[in-house]
Amino acid sequence: MKCFSRDELGKNLLPGRTIQRAIGNNSFASSQIMTVGFAHYSAEAGAMEPHQHAEEAIYVTDAKNGWVEYGPQKDRLENKVPLTSGIVLHVPKGEWHVFRYSDGGFVDIVFMYAQVM
């Protein structure tokens, strides 16, 4: 077993977010089966582009004036859900989604998904 805290994880600034890789490929703990990590969305990383990928579970650890938009296509994000700590999101495979926030806001999450083989 490998036990560690978020504070031990390096930070990677990516377009639209800062990622801390906990478990998975190129992560603190190696796994070929799953990916688990933390993400922070704020003005520091810039605006995020809508994206889609494998089925994903997300736990919102904290948010201020933040929300998620989702829908069937990148340019058809027809749903908007305000985010607060404690919310769990289940994102089906291939569903387009993006995290957004107003001035001074942010969204902080834990994300989990299976590796695509």
PDB file of N, CA and C in Angstrom:
ATOM      1  N   MET A   1       0.851  -1.178   0.000  1.00  0.00           N
ATOM      2  CA  MET A   1       0.000   0.000   0.000  1.00  0.00           C
ATOM      3  C   MET A   1       0.890   1.232   0.000  1.00  0.00           C
ATOM      4  N   LYS A   2       0.452   2.232  -0.713  1.00  0.00           N
ATOM      5  CA  LYS A   2       1.168   3.501  -0.748  1.00  0.00           C
ATOM      6  C   LYS A   2       0.231   4.573  -0.195  1.00  0.00           C
ATOM      7  N   CYS A   3       0.627   5.214   0.888  1.00  0.00           N
ATOM      8  CA  CYS A   3      -0.167   6.282   1.507  1.00  0.00           C
ATOM      9  C   CYS A   3       0.555   7.608   1.306  1.00  0.00           C
ATOM     10  N   PHE A   4      -0.180   8.617   0.894  1.00  0.00           N
ATOM     11  CA  PHE A   4       0.429   9.926   0.655  1.00  0.00           C
ATOM     12  C   PHE A   4      -0.649  10.991   0.710  1.00  0.00           C
ATOM     13  N   SER A   5      -0.223  12.232   0.852  1.00  0.00           N
ATOM     14  CA  SER A   5      -1.170  13.346   0.904  1.00  0.00           C
ATOM     15  C   SER A   5      -1.061  14.184  -0.368  1.00  0.00           C
ATOM     16  N   ARG A   6      -2.054  14.988  -0.599  1.00  0.00           N
ATOM     17  CA  ARG A   6      -2.057  15.867  -1.765  1.00  0.00           C
ATOM     18  C   ARG A   6      -0.843  16.790  -1.761  1.00  0.00           C
ATOM     19  N   ASP A   7      -0.420  17.213  -0.587  1.00  0.00           N
ATOM     20  CA  ASP A   7       0.725  18.121  -0.480  1.00  0.00           C
ATOM     21  C   ASP A   7       2.016  17.518  -1.023  1.00  0.00           C
ATOM     22  N   GLU A   8       2.094  16.198  -1.109  1.00  0.00           N
ATOM     23  CA  GLU A   8       3.293  15.526  -1.614  1.00  0.00           C
ATOM     24  C   GLU A   8       3.343  15.460  -3.139  1.00  0.00           C
ATOM     25  N   LEU A   9       2.247  15.790  -3.801  1.00  0.00           N
ATOM     26  CA  LEU A   9       2.154  15.656  -5.249  1.00  0.00           C
ATOM     27  C   LEU A   9       2.628  16.914  -5.957  1.00  0.00           C
ATOM     28  N   GLY A  10       3.388  16.722  -7.029  1.00  0.00           N
ATOM     29  CA  GLY A  10       3.815  17.847  -7.846  1.00  0.00           C
ATOM     30  C   GLY A  10       2.635  18.468  -8.570  1.00  0.00           C
ATOM     31  N   LYS A  11       2.786  19.714  -8.977  1.00  0.00           N
ATOM     32  CA  LYS A  11       1.727  20.420  -9.701  1.00  0.00           C
ATOM     33  C   LYS A  11       2.149  20.618 -11.149  1.00  0.00           C
ATOM     34  N   ASN A  12       1.234  20.296 -12.069  1.00  0.00           N
ATOM     35  CA  ASN A  12       1.461  20.491 -13.495  1.00  0.00           C
ATOM     36  C   ASN A  12       0.451  21.504 -14.011  1.00  0.00           C
ATOM     37  N   LEU A  13       0.938  22.647 -14.484  1.00  0.00           N
ATOM     38  CA  LEU A  13       0.059  23.669 -15.043  1.00  0.00           C
ATOM     39  C   LEU A  13      -0.242  23.304 -16.492  1.00  0.00           C
ATOM     40  N   LEU A  14      -1.491  23.035 -16.786  1.00  0.00           N
ATOM     41  CA  LEU A  14      -1.950  22.694 -18.127  1.00  0.00           C
ATOM     42  C   LEU A  14      -2.922  23.775 -18.588  1.00  0.00           C
ATOM     43  N   PRO A  15      -3.232  23.826 -19.886  1.00  0.00           N
ATOM     44  CA  PRO A  15      -4.212  24.818 -20.337  1.00  0.00           C
ATOM     45  C   PRO A  15      -5.546  24.656 -19.595  1.00  0.00           C
ATOM     46  N   GLY A  16      -5.940  25.658 -18.838  1.00  0.00           N
ATOM     47  CA  GLY A  16      -7.221  25.663 -18.155  1.00  0.00           C
ATOM     48  C   GLY A  16      -7.261  25.041 -16.780  1.00  0.00           C
ATOM     49  N   ARG A  17      -6.143  24.454 -16.320  1.00  0.00           N
ATOM     50  CA  ARG A  17      -6.181  23.786 -15.016  1.00  0.00           C
ATOM     51  C   ARG A  17      -4.783  23.470 -14.510  1.00  0.00           C
ATOM     52  N   THR A  18      -4.704  23.249 -13.197  1.00  0.00           N
ATOM     53  CA  THR A  18      -3.498  22.727 -12.563  1.00  0.00           C
ATOM     54  C   THR A  18      -3.832  21.320 -12.090  1.00  0.00           C
ATOM     55  N   ILE A  19      -3.020  20.347 -12.494  1.00  0.00           N
ATOM     56  CA  ILE A  19      -3.265  18.931 -12.198  1.00  0.00           C
ATOM     57  C   ILE A  19      -2.219  18.422 -11.211  1.00  0.00           C
ATOM     58  N   GLN A  20      -2.667  17.568 -10.306  1.00  0.00           N
ATOM     59  CA  GLN A  20      -1.769  16.817  -9.429  1.00  0.00           C
ATOM     60  C   GLN A  20      -2.093  15.341  -9.644  1.00  0.00           C
ATOM     61  N   ARG A  21      -1.146  14.611 -10.218  1.00  0.00           N
ATOM     62  CA  ARG A  21      -1.359  13.206 -10.569  1.00  0.00           C
ATOM     63  C   ARG A  21      -1.053  12.313  -9.372  1.00  0.00           C
ATOM     64  N   ALA A  22      -2.074  11.654  -8.847  1.00  0.00           N
ATOM     65  CA  ALA A  22      -1.908  10.790  -7.676  1.00  0.00           C
ATOM     66  C   ALA A  22      -1.626   9.345  -8.080  1.00  0.00           C
ATOM     67  N   ILE A  23      -2.502   8.762  -8.907  1.00  0.00           N
ATOM     68  CA  ILE A  23      -2.392   7.359  -9.309  1.00  0.00           C
ATOM     69  C   ILE A  23      -2.598   7.263 -10.814  1.00  0.00           C
ATOM     70  N   GLY A  24      -1.744   6.480 -11.491  1.00  0.00           N
ATOM     71  CA  GLY A  24      -1.887   6.283 -12.934  1.00  0.00           C
ATOM     72  C   GLY A  24      -0.547   6.339 -13.628  1.00  0.00           C
ATOM     73  N   ASN A  25      -0.567   6.522 -14.940  1.00  0.00           N
ATOM     74  CA  ASN A  25       0.664   6.684 -15.712  1.00  0.00           C
ATOM     75  C   ASN A  25       1.313   8.016 -15.344  1.00  0.00           C
ATOM     76  N   ASN A  26       2.628   8.016 -15.205  1.00  0.00           N
ATOM     77  CA  ASN A  26       3.368   9.238 -14.866  1.00  0.00           C
ATOM     78  C   ASN A  26       2.810   9.936 -13.629  1.00  0.00           C
ATOM     79  N   SER A  27       2.441   9.144 -12.634  1.00  0.00           N
ATOM     80  CA  SER A  27       1.845   9.670 -11.406  1.00  0.00           C
ATOM     81  C   SER A  27       2.678   9.288 -10.194  1.00  0.00           C
ATOM     82  N   PHE A  28       2.323   9.829  -9.042  1.00  0.00           N
ATOM     83  CA  PHE A  28       3.025   9.535  -7.793  1.00  0.00           C
ATOM     84  C   PHE A  28       3.017   8.040  -7.506  1.00  0.00           C
ATOM     85  N   ALA A  29       1.854   7.400  -7.667  1.00  0.00           N
ATOM     86  CA  ALA A  29       1.725   5.947  -7.537  1.00  0.00           C
ATOM     87  C   ALA A  29       1.348   5.399  -8.913  1.00  0.00           C
ATOM     88  N   SER A  30       2.109   4.437  -9.388  1.00  0.00           N
ATOM     89  CA  SER A  30       1.916   3.907 -10.735  1.00  0.00           C
ATOM     90  C   SER A  30       0.747   2.928 -10.814  1.00  0.00           C
ATOM     91  N   SER A  31      -0.052   3.055 -11.874  1.00  0.00           N
ATOM     92  CA  SER A  31      -1.131   2.107 -12.160  1.00  0.00           C
ATOM     93  C   SER A  31      -1.382   2.098 -13.657  1.00  0.00           C
ATOM     94  N   GLN A  32      -1.585   0.910 -14.200  1.00  0.00           N
ATOM     95  CA  GLN A  32      -1.959   0.770 -15.603  1.00  0.00           C
ATOM     96  C   GLN A  32      -3.468   0.592 -15.745  1.00  0.00           C
ATOM     97  N   ILE A  33      -4.195   0.582 -14.622  1.00  0.00           N
ATOM     98  CA  ILE A  33      -5.625   0.286 -14.633  1.00  0.00           C
ATOM     99  C   ILE A  33      -6.479   1.527 -14.384  1.00  0.00           C
ATOM    100  N   MET A  34      -6.024   2.420 -13.504  1.00  0.00           N
ATOM    101  CA  MET A  34      -6.847   3.581 -13.164  1.00  0.00           C
ATOM    102  C   MET A  34      -6.030   4.862 -13.119  1.00  0.00           C
ATOM    103  N   THR A  35      -6.761   5.969 -13.179  1.00  0.00           N
ATOM    104  CA  THR A  35      -6.170   7.293 -13.031  1.00  0.00           C
ATOM    105  C   THR A  35      -6.956   8.038 -11.956  1.00  0.00           C
ATOM    106  N   VAL A  36      -6.228   8.593 -10.991  1.00  0.00           N
ATOM    107  CA  VAL A  36      -6.832   9.395  -9.928  1.00  0.00           C
ATOM    108  C   VAL A  36      -5.953  10.624  -9.734  1.00  0.00           C
ATOM    109  N   GLY A  37      -6.569  11.762  -9.589  1.00  0.00           N
ATOM    110  CA  GLY A  37      -5.789  12.963  -9.365  1.00  0.00           C
ATOM    111  C   GLY A  37      -6.651  14.114  -8.883  1.00  0.00           C
ATOM    112  N   PHE A  38      -5.992  15.229  -8.686  1.00  0.00           N
ATOM    113  CA  PHE A  38      -6.640  16.458  -8.255  1.00  0.00           C
ATOM    114  C   PHE A  38      -6.528  17.473  -9.386  1.00  0.00           C
ATOM    115  N   ALA A  39      -7.524  18.333  -9.519  1.00  0.00           N
ATOM    116  CA  ALA A  39      -7.463  19.414 -10.498  1.00  0.00           C
ATOM    117  C   ALA A  39      -8.013  20.687  -9.860  1.00  0.00           C
ATOM    118  N   HIS A  40      -7.375  21.787 -10.196  1.00  0.00           N
ATOM    119  CA  HIS A  40      -7.789  23.105  -9.707  1.00  0.00           C
ATOM    120  C   HIS A  40      -7.994  23.996 -10.929  1.00  0.00           C
ATOM    121  N   TYR A  41      -9.194  24.537 -11.057  1.00  0.00           N
ATOM    122  CA  TYR A  41      -9.555  25.405 -12.177  1.00  0.00           C
ATOM    123  C   TYR A  41      -9.718  26.821 -11.646  1.00  0.00           C
ATOM    124  N   SER A  42      -8.910  27.738 -12.178  1.00  0.00           N
ATOM    125  CA  SER A  42      -8.991  29.141 -11.755  1.00  0.00           C
ATOM    126  C   SER A  42      -8.338  30.012 -12.820  1.00  0.00           C
ATOM    127  N   ALA A  43      -8.415  31.321 -12.636  1.00  0.00           N
ATOM    128  CA  ALA A  43      -7.843  32.264 -13.597  1.00  0.00           C
ATOM    129  C   ALA A  43      -6.344  32.043 -13.782  1.00  0.00           C
ATOM    130  N   GLU A  44      -5.671  31.531 -12.762  1.00  0.00           N
ATOM    131  CA  GLU A  44      -4.229  31.276 -12.849  1.00  0.00           C
ATOM    132  C   GLU A  44      -3.874  30.392 -14.047  1.00  0.00           C
ATOM    133  N   ALA A  45      -4.719  29.417 -14.359  1.00  0.00           N
ATOM    134  CA  ALA A  45      -4.456  28.490 -15.463  1.00  0.00           C
ATOM    135  C   ALA A  45      -5.146  28.920 -16.756  1.00  0.00           C
ATOM    136  N   GLY A  46      -5.983  29.944 -16.687  1.00  0.00           N
ATOM    137  CA  GLY A  46      -6.704  30.390 -17.873  1.00  0.00           C
ATOM    138  C   GLY A  46      -7.985  29.598 -18.086  1.00  0.00           C
ATOM    139  N   ALA A  47      -8.694  29.964 -19.124  1.00  0.00           N
ATOM    140  CA  ALA A  47      -9.971  29.305 -19.429  1.00  0.00           C
ATOM    141  C   ALA A  47      -9.735  27.892 -19.944  1.00  0.00           C
ATOM    142  N   MET A  48     -10.621  27.002 -19.582  1.00  0.00           N
ATOM    143  CA  MET A  48     -10.548  25.612 -20.028  1.00  0.00           C
ATOM    144  C   MET A  48     -11.401  25.437 -21.277  1.00  0.00           C
ATOM    145  N   GLU A  49     -10.952  24.574 -22.177  1.00  0.00           N
ATOM    146  CA  GLU A  49     -11.737  24.213 -23.352  1.00  0.00           C
ATOM    147  C   GLU A  49     -12.623  23.018 -23.016  1.00  0.00           C
ATOM    148  N   PRO A  50     -13.836  22.946 -23.551  1.00  0.00           N
ATOM    149  CA  PRO A  50     -14.650  21.747 -23.362  1.00  0.00           C
ATOM    150  C   PRO A  50     -13.892  20.519 -23.862  1.00  0.00           C
ATOM    151  N   HIS A  51     -14.083  19.395 -23.185  1.00  0.00           N
ATOM    152  CA  HIS A  51     -13.393  18.164 -23.564  1.00  0.00           C
ATOM    153  C   HIS A  51     -14.278  16.966 -23.265  1.00  0.00           C
ATOM    154  N   GLN A  52     -13.894  15.821 -23.799  1.00  0.00           N
ATOM    155  CA  GLN A  52     -14.585  14.570 -23.524  1.00  0.00           C
ATOM    156  C   GLN A  52     -13.566  13.442 -23.557  1.00  0.00           C
ATOM    157  N   HIS A  53     -13.859  12.372 -22.828  1.00  0.00           N
ATOM    158  CA  HIS A  53     -12.925  11.248 -22.720  1.00  0.00           C
ATOM    159  C   HIS A  53     -13.642  10.056 -22.115  1.00  0.00           C
ATOM    160  N   ALA A  54     -12.901   9.180 -21.457  1.00  0.00           N
ATOM    161  CA  ALA A  54     -13.475   7.982 -20.835  1.00  0.00           C
ATOM    162  C   ALA A  54     -14.475   8.351 -19.741  1.00  0.00           C
ATOM    163  N   GLU A  55     -15.305   7.388 -19.363  1.00  0.00           N
ATOM    164  CA  GLU A  55     -16.230   7.566 -18.241  1.00  0.00           C
ATOM    165  C   GLU A  55     -15.438   8.040 -17.020  1.00  0.00           C
ATOM    166  N   GLU A  56     -16.002   8.974 -16.280  1.00  0.00           N
ATOM    167  CA  GLU A  56     -15.253   9.607 -15.194  1.00  0.00           C
ATOM    168  C   GLU A  56     -16.151   9.860 -13.986  1.00  0.00           C
ATOM    169  N   ALA A  57     -15.572   9.718 -12.807  1.00  0.00           N
ATOM    170  CA  ALA A  57     -16.228  10.117 -11.564  1.00  0.00           C
ATOM    171  C   ALA A  57     -15.449  11.301 -11.007  1.00  0.00           C
ATOM    172  N   ILE A  58     -16.170  12.305 -10.531  1.00  0.00           N
ATOM    173  CA  ILE A  58     -15.555  13.532 -10.022  1.00  0.00           C
ATOM    174  C   ILE A  58     -16.175  13.861  -8.671  1.00  0.00           C
ATOM    175  N   TYR A  59     -15.324  14.218  -7.718  1.00  0.00           N
ATOM    176  CA  TYR A  59     -15.782  14.679  -6.410  1.00  0.00           C
ATOM    177  C   TYR A  59     -15.317  16.120  -6.245  1.00  0.00           C
ATOM    178  N   VAL A  60     -16.240  17.024  -6.013  1.00  0.00           N
ATOM    179  CA  VAL A  60     -15.903  18.440  -5.830  1.00  0.00           C
ATOM    180  C   VAL A  60     -15.479  18.650  -4.379  1.00  0.00           C
ATOM    181  N   THR A  61     -14.204  19.010  -4.185  1.00  0.00           N
ATOM    182  CA  THR A  61     -13.700  19.240  -2.830  1.00  0.00           C
ATOM    183  C   THR A  61     -13.955  20.671  -2.365  1.00  0.00           C
ATOM    184  N   ASP A  62     -13.996  21.610  -3.323  1.00  0.00           N
ATOM    185  CA  ASP A  62     -14.246  23.007  -2.976  1.00  0.00           C
ATOM    186  C   ASP A  62     -14.604  23.762  -4.250  1.00  0.00           C
ATOM    187  N   ALA A  63     -15.358  24.820  -4.113  1.00  0.00           N
ATOM    188  CA  ALA A  63     -15.707  25.664  -5.254  1.00  0.00           C
ATOM    189  C   ALA A  63     -16.209  27.008  -4.748  1.00  0.00           C
ATOM    190  N   LYS A  64     -15.903  28.030  -5.521  1.00  0.00           N
ATOM    191  CA  LYS A  64     -16.417  29.373  -5.243  1.00  0.00           C
ATOM    192  C   LYS A  64     -16.844  29.959  -6.582  1.00  0.00           C
ATOM    193  N   ASN A  65     -18.129  30.260  -6.706  1.00  0.00           N
ATOM    194  CA  ASN A  65     -18.667  30.823  -7.952  1.00  0.00           C
ATOM    195  C   ASN A  65     -18.267  29.997  -9.173  1.00  0.00           C
ATOM    196  N   GLY A  66     -18.310  28.667  -9.019  1.00  0.00           N
ATOM    197  CA  GLY A  66     -17.945  27.770 -10.107  1.00  0.00           C
ATOM    198  C   GLY A  66     -19.103  26.882 -10.518  1.00  0.00           C
ATOM    199  N   TRP A  67     -19.014  26.347 -11.730  1.00  0.00           N
ATOM    200  CA  TRP A  67     -20.050  25.467 -12.248  1.00  0.00           C
ATOM    201  C   TRP A  67     -19.458  24.550 -13.312  1.00  0.00           C
ATOM    202  N   VAL A  68     -20.226  23.534 -13.683  1.00  0.00           N
ATOM    203  CA  VAL A  68     -19.873  22.655 -14.788  1.00  0.00           C
ATOM    204  C   VAL A  68     -20.946  22.813 -15.857  1.00  0.00           C
ATOM    205  N   GLU A  69     -20.515  22.840 -17.106  1.00  0.00           N
ATOM    206  CA  GLU A  69     -21.429  22.827 -18.243  1.00  0.00           C
ATOM    207  C   GLU A  69     -21.178  21.528 -18.992  1.00  0.00           C
ATOM    208  N   TYR A  70     -22.250  20.903 -19.508  1.00  0.00           N
ATOM    209  CA  TYR A  70     -22.076  19.652 -20.241  1.00  0.00           C
ATOM    210  C   TYR A  70     -23.166  19.486 -21.292  1.00  0.00           C
ATOM    211  N   GLY A  71     -22.870  18.622 -22.266  1.00  0.00           N
ATOM    212  CA  GLY A  71     -23.828  18.379 -23.333  1.00  0.00           C
ATOM    213  C   GLY A  71     -23.303  17.397 -24.355  1.00  0.00           C
ATOM    214  N   PRO A  72     -24.069  17.195 -25.437  1.00  0.00           N
ATOM    215  CA  PRO A  72     -23.741  16.167 -26.419  1.00  0.00           C
ATOM    216  C   PRO A  72     -22.622  16.544 -27.392  1.00  0.00           C
ATOM    217  N   GLN A  73     -22.343  17.837 -27.528  1.00  0.00           N
ATOM    218  CA  GLN A  73     -21.301  18.288 -28.452  1.00  0.00           C
ATOM    219  C   GLN A  73     -20.530  19.448 -27.828  1.00  0.00           C
ATOM    220  N   LYS A  74     -19.323  19.649 -28.330  1.00  0.00           N
ATOM    221  CA  LYS A  74     -18.455  20.706 -27.801  1.00  0.00           C
ATOM    222  C   LYS A  74     -19.134  22.075 -27.836  1.00  0.00           C
ATOM    223  N   ASP A  75     -19.902  22.318 -28.878  1.00  0.00           N
ATOM    224  CA  ASP A  75     -20.578  23.610 -29.017  1.00  0.00           C
ATOM    225  C   ASP A  75     -22.055  23.551 -28.606  1.00  0.00           C
ATOM    226  N   ARG A  76     -22.444  22.479 -27.897  1.00  0.00           N
ATOM    227  CA  ARG A  76     -23.823  22.342 -27.402  1.00  0.00           C
ATOM    228  C   ARG A  76     -23.815  21.901 -25.941  1.00  0.00           C
ATOM    229  N   LEU A  77     -23.235  22.710 -25.093  1.00  0.00           N
ATOM    230  CA  LEU A  77     -23.209  22.434 -23.655  1.00  0.00           C
ATOM    231  C   LEU A  77     -24.483  23.028 -23.059  1.00  0.00           C
ATOM    232  N   GLU A  78     -25.563  22.276 -23.158  1.00  0.00           N
ATOM    233  CA  GLU A  78     -26.900  22.776 -22.853  1.00  0.00           C
ATOM    234  C   GLU A  78     -27.260  22.742 -21.374  1.00  0.00           C
ATOM    235  N   ASN A  79     -26.425  22.125 -20.555  1.00  0.00           N
ATOM    236  CA  ASN A  79     -26.718  21.971 -19.128  1.00  0.00           C
ATOM    237  C   ASN A  79     -25.667  22.696 -18.295  1.00  0.00           C
ATOM    238  N   LYS A  80     -26.117  23.322 -17.206  1.00  0.00           N
ATOM    239  CA  LYS A  80     -25.214  24.050 -16.310  1.00  0.00           C
ATOM    240  C   LYS A  80     -25.598  23.722 -14.874  1.00  0.00           C
ATOM    241  N   VAL A  81     -24.606  23.294 -14.084  1.00  0.00           N
ATOM    242  CA  VAL A  81     -24.852  22.928 -12.689  1.00  0.00           C
ATOM    243  C   VAL A  81     -23.895  23.704 -11.788  1.00  0.00           C
ATOM    244  N   PRO A  82     -24.400  24.537 -10.869  1.00  0.00           N
ATOM    245  CA  PRO A  82     -23.529  25.209  -9.897  1.00  0.00           C
ATOM    246  C   PRO A  82     -22.850  24.159  -9.012  1.00  0.00           C
ATOM    247  N   LEU A  83     -21.608  24.409  -8.643  1.00  0.00           N
ATOM    248  CA  LEU A  83     -20.846  23.438  -7.854  1.00  0.00           C
ATOM    249  C   LEU A  83     -20.568  23.939  -6.442  1.00  0.00           C
ATOM    250  N   THR A  84     -20.671  23.029  -5.489  1.00  0.00           N
ATOM    251  CA  THR A  84     -20.293  23.271  -4.100  1.00  0.00           C
ATOM    252  C   THR A  84     -19.551  22.038  -3.609  1.00  0.00           C
ATOM    253  N   SER A  85     -18.824  22.174  -2.516  1.00  0.00           N
ATOM    254  CA  SER A  85     -18.092  21.026  -1.984  1.00  0.00           C
ATOM    255  C   SER A  85     -19.063  19.906  -1.636  1.00  0.00           C
ATOM    256  N   GLY A  86     -18.623  18.682  -1.901  1.00  0.00           N
ATOM    257  CA  GLY A  86     -19.427  17.509  -1.596  1.00  0.00           C
ATOM    258  C   GLY A  86     -20.227  16.955  -2.757  1.00  0.00           C
ATOM    259  N   ILE A  87     -20.287  17.662  -3.863  1.00  0.00           N
ATOM    260  CA  ILE A  87     -21.028  17.175  -5.033  1.00  0.00           C
ATOM    261  C   ILE A  87     -20.211  16.099  -5.745  1.00  0.00           C
ATOM    262  N   VAL A  88     -20.900  15.050  -6.192  1.00  0.00           N
ATOM    263  CA  VAL A  88     -20.292  13.991  -6.996  1.00  0.00           C
ATOM    264  C   VAL A  88     -20.883  14.073  -8.395  1.00  0.00           C
ATOM    265  N   LEU A  89     -20.013  14.012  -9.405  1.00  0.00           N
ATOM    266  CA  LEU A  89     -20.442  14.028 -10.802  1.00  0.00           C
ATOM    267  C   LEU A  89     -20.072  12.694 -11.446  1.00  0.00           C
ATOM    268  N   HIS A  90     -20.980  12.119 -12.203  1.00  0.00           N
ATOM    269  CA  HIS A  90     -20.684  10.932 -13.007  1.00  0.00           C
ATOM    270  C   HIS A  90     -20.788  11.364 -14.461  1.00  0.00           C
ATOM    271  N   VAL A  91     -19.665  11.361 -15.165  1.00  0.00           N
ATOM    272  CA  VAL A  91     -19.616  11.810 -16.552  1.00  0.00           C
ATOM    273  C   VAL A  91     -19.556  10.577 -17.450  1.00  0.00           C
ATOM    274  N   PRO A  92     -20.598  10.322 -18.251  1.00  0.00           N
ATOM    275  CA  PRO A  92     -20.565   9.173 -19.154  1.00  0.00           C
ATOM    276  C   PRO A  92     -19.458   9.313 -20.202  1.00  0.00           C
ATOM    277  N   LYS A  93     -18.986   8.198 -20.689  1.00  0.00           N
ATOM    278  CA  LYS A  93     -17.955   8.181 -21.731  1.00  0.00           C
ATOM    279  C   LYS A  93     -18.403   9.040 -22.913  1.00  0.00           C
ATOM    280  N   GLY A  94     -17.522   9.929 -23.344  1.00  0.00           N
ATOM    281  CA  GLY A  94     -17.778  10.735 -24.529  1.00  0.00           C
ATOM    282  C   GLY A  94     -18.613  11.987 -24.320  1.00  0.00           C
ATOM    283  N   GLU A  95     -19.108  12.235 -23.104  1.00  0.00           N
ATOM    284  CA  GLU A  95     -19.913  13.438 -22.879  1.00  0.00           C
ATOM    285  C   GLU A  95     -18.999  14.660 -22.759  1.00  0.00           C
ATOM    286  N   TRP A  96     -19.323  15.709 -23.491  1.00  0.00           N
ATOM    287  CA  TRP A  96     -18.544  16.944 -23.451  1.00  0.00           C
ATOM    288  C   TRP A  96     -18.845  17.694 -22.158  1.00  0.00           C
ATOM    289  N   HIS A  97     -17.787  18.232 -21.532  1.00  0.00           N
ATOM    290  CA  HIS A  97     -17.971  18.988 -20.295  1.00  0.00           C
ATOM    291  C   HIS A  97     -16.827  19.981 -20.113  1.00  0.00           C
ATOM    292  N   VAL A  98     -17.092  20.994 -19.287  1.00  0.00           N
ATOM    293  CA  VAL A  98     -16.089  22.017 -18.996  1.00  0.00           C
ATOM    294  C   VAL A  98     -16.421  22.643 -17.643  1.00  0.00           C
ATOM    295  N   PHE A  99     -15.380  22.969 -16.884  1.00  0.00           N
ATOM    296  CA  PHE A  99     -15.556  23.673 -15.615  1.00  0.00           C
ATOM    297  C   PHE A  99     -15.305  25.152 -15.852  1.00  0.00           C
ATOM    298  N   ARG A 100     -16.180  25.968 -15.300  1.00  0.00           N
ATOM    299  CA  ARG A 100     -16.060  27.422 -15.446  1.00  0.00           C
ATOM    300  C   ARG A 100     -16.289  28.086 -14.086  1.00  0.00           C
ATOM    301  N   TYR A 101     -15.966  29.365 -14.015  1.00  0.00           N
ATOM    302  CA  TYR A 101     -16.074  30.123 -12.764  1.00  0.00           C
ATOM    303  C   TYR A 101     -16.145  31.600 -13.122  1.00  0.00           C
ATOM    304  N   SER A 102     -16.735  32.388 -12.250  1.00  0.00           N
ATOM    305  CA  SER A 102     -16.780  33.836 -12.461  1.00  0.00           C
ATOM    306  C   SER A 102     -15.540  34.464 -11.825  1.00  0.00           C
ATOM    307  N   ASP A 103     -15.395  35.787 -11.965  1.00  0.00           N
ATOM    308  CA  ASP A 103     -14.222  36.492 -11.429  1.00  0.00           C
ATOM    309  C   ASP A 103     -13.995  36.144  -9.964  1.00  0.00           C
ATOM    310  N   GLY A 104     -12.761  35.773  -9.633  1.00  0.00           N
ATOM    311  CA  GLY A 104     -12.405  35.427  -8.268  1.00  0.00           C
ATOM    312  C   GLY A 104     -12.831  34.031  -7.857  1.00  0.00           C
ATOM    313  N   GLY A 105     -13.474  33.302  -8.756  1.00  0.00           N
ATOM    314  CA  GLY A 105     -13.950  31.960  -8.438  1.00  0.00           C
ATOM    315  C   GLY A 105     -12.953  30.874  -8.795  1.00  0.00           C
ATOM    316  N   PHE A 106     -13.302  29.648  -8.426  1.00  0.00           N
ATOM    317  CA  PHE A 106     -12.466  28.483  -8.718  1.00  0.00           C
ATOM    318  C   PHE A 106     -13.285  27.213  -8.527  1.00  0.00           C
ATOM    319  N   VAL A 107     -12.759  26.117  -9.028  1.00  0.00           N
ATOM    320  CA  VAL A 107     -13.324  24.785  -8.811  1.00  0.00           C
ATOM    321  C   VAL A 107     -12.161  23.860  -8.495  1.00  0.00           C
ATOM    322  N   ASP A 108     -12.302  23.051  -7.451  1.00  0.00           N
ATOM    323  CA  ASP A 108     -11.269  22.118  -7.003  1.00  0.00           C
ATOM    324  C   ASP A 108     -11.901  20.725  -6.947  1.00  0.00           C
ATOM    325  N   ILE A 109     -11.299  19.741  -7.631  1.00  0.00           N
ATOM    326  CA  ILE A 109     -11.916  18.413  -7.723  1.00  0.00           C
ATOM    327  C   ILE A 109     -10.909  17.281  -7.514  1.00  0.00           C
ATOM    328  N   VAL A 110     -11.454  16.099  -7.250  1.00  0.00           N
ATOM    329  CA  VAL A 110     -10.740  14.829  -7.368  1.00  0.00           C
ATOM    330  C   VAL A 110     -11.388  14.123  -8.550  1.00  0.00           C
ATOM    331  N   PHE A 111     -10.570  13.635  -9.494  1.00  0.00           N
ATOM    332  CA  PHE A 111     -11.110  12.919 -10.652  1.00  0.00           C
ATOM    333  C   PHE A 111     -10.610  11.482 -10.661  1.00  0.00           C
ATOM    334  N   MET A 112     -11.450  10.583 -11.179  1.00  0.00           N
ATOM    335  CA  MET A 112     -11.117   9.161 -11.246  1.00  0.00           C
ATOM    336  C   MET A 112     -11.681   8.574 -12.533  1.00  0.00           C
ATOM    337  N   TYR A 113     -10.862   7.819 -13.252  1.00  0.00           N
ATOM    338  CA  TYR A 113     -11.358   7.085 -14.416  1.00  0.00           C
ATOM    339  C   TYR A 113     -10.450   5.899 -14.700  1.00  0.00           C
ATOM    340  N   ALA A 114     -10.997   4.918 -15.421  1.00  0.00           N
ATOM    341  CA  ALA A 114     -10.227   3.731 -15.783  1.00  0.00           C
ATOM    342  C   ALA A 114      -9.322   4.062 -16.963  1.00  0.00           C
ATOM    343  N   GLN A 115      -8.147   3.453 -17.000  1.00  0.00           N
ATOM    344  CA  GLN A 115      -7.248   3.616 -18.139  1.00  0.00           C
ATOM    345  C   GLN A 115      -7.895   2.993 -19.364  1.00  0.00           C
ATOM    346  N   VAL A 116      -7.765   3.627 -20.491  1.00  0.00           N
ATOM    347  CA  VAL A 116      -8.277   3.079 -21.743  1.00  0.00           C
ATOM    348  C   VAL A 116      -7.191   2.184 -22.321  1.00  0.00           C
ATOM    349  N   MET A 117      -7.534   0.921 -22.502  1.00  0.00           N
ATOM    350  CA  MET A 117      -6.547  -0.040 -23.023  1.00  0.00           C
ATOM    351  C   MET A 117      -6.636  -0.154 -24.522  1.00  0.00           C
TER     352      MET A 117
END
